[in-house]
Amino acid sequence: MTKYNDDKAWRQKFTENEYWMTSEDEPDDPTTEEQVKVEIGVQKTYQKFLRDKKELKVQRGKHIAYLLDGIRHLDSYFDSLDASRPWLVYWIVHSLDLLGELDKHPDIIHDAVVFLSKCQNSTGGFGGGPGQLSHLAPTYAAVNALAICGTQEAYEMIDRKGLHSFLMSMRDPIHGGFVMHHGGENDVRGCYCALNAASLAGVLTPELTAGIPEFIARCQTYEGGMGGFPGNEAHGGYTFCALAAFLLSSPASHQLLNVPALTDWAVARQTPYEGGFNGRTNKLVDACYSFWMGGVFPLLHAMEYGWRFDAFWNQEKPAYNKSTKEEKGSDDMDSLYLFHQKNLQLYILICSQDDVRGGFRDKPGKGRDFYHTCYTLSGLSVSQHNPDGTTSVVGPNENLMEPTHPIHNVRPIKATRMKNFFSEIK
């Protein structure tokens, strides 16, 4: 295990050397002004951490308490997410699973399955809540949550025939790809949500994947990243969805993409001063991109080296037993992905983590929420688990998260169990 407990270089960066901050010579415009505000907020947060001499620690107990409270009780202001209830289930159960906590709560697992069954429609797919129309986004969230629950009850609840029929009905015969719901928008989220759900549920057919690699290739922009639809601006979330869907549909067709340009664009999304990622050129750092952008790098690794995700992860190991090496000093460690894994972890632990109440936030000055908690923990996991099976962890060993599957964003063993279950009943 690679550990970072003290590093003179990054301490100096935030106490003495402002080389990496936006120059005062930059144009006086709203974009630059907002960037400078964020950098000052991040600098103050890092400096306070250094003054307080706190340990770089994942506040597991506080995060777990926050999540367990949320799965049972939400305040009235959450009514704005009434059409996103499967998402709330997924964000919370996945976060608990990454923390190694979920399987200790069979009552939560059972109740989650029962609730999600009420969101499944007789015509196939899942809605954003009971009685709501089927939509690819909550269908993705529901199937992922059921995979995480990992029980026979969860698997058998899925109407696989209806699911496949619903997914096929979302195909866009004119533009290619998928629409999100009947009469809805077409973008690469639809490709990812549909193919991810089909893959986990064992209904991924050639009819679903036909033409998808070509549609996704048309979404690549002059910058190198992927837009939501051909002609749109490159965006981190859409890039992850596009690459994951591409690998699900045709992993051998990556010659359709300009991978070097995509890699250059992805690398440029890690902010040099803050350490986290932004989602677009000239945009602000946001902890949720710890996964949406951080998760792009294992996918690029797969394209480059032919990494077979399921073969690599088809091993049921406790997270703490994955360690294969120790480090004498933090400067000795090289990132094994093409981003700075250590700097991302520092941003997550110091700037994103609410170490008083639990949960994670976008950036200093923002409030915690379940969405950012889920994707920040997912990005933390990606940054800790290397493609060679070793781990790189900032702080004590207890900071190590369970691994997450680079395509599905559920624990690899949970994805494998669901796929195996359905492969045996065909």
Foldseek 3Di string as FASTA:
>chain_A
DEEAWDDPVVLCCLPPNVPQQDDPPDDPDPLNVVSNVQLVLLSVLSVVCVVVVDFLDALLVLQLVVLVCQLPDDDPVCVVQQFQVLVNLLLSLQLCVQLVHNVVCLVSLVVLLVQQLQQADPQAAGTSGRPHAHWLVSSLSLLLSLLSSQDPSSLVSHPLVSHLSLLLVQADPPLGAGAGHVVHDGFLLRLQSSLLSCQLNVNNDLSNLPPLLVQQLQQQDPQQAGDRGRPHAHWLQRRLSSLLSNCSRPLPPCVSGPLVSNVVSLQVQQRPSLRAGGTHPSDYFFLLSLQSSLLVQVSSVCSVPVDDQLVQQVDDDDQLVLADDYDPHNVVDDQQTSYDLVSSSCNFSRFFAPSPNGAGGTGPPGDGDSSSRSSNSQSNQSSQAHPVSHGHYYGDSSRHTQHARSNSRHRSNSSVSSSVVNVVVD
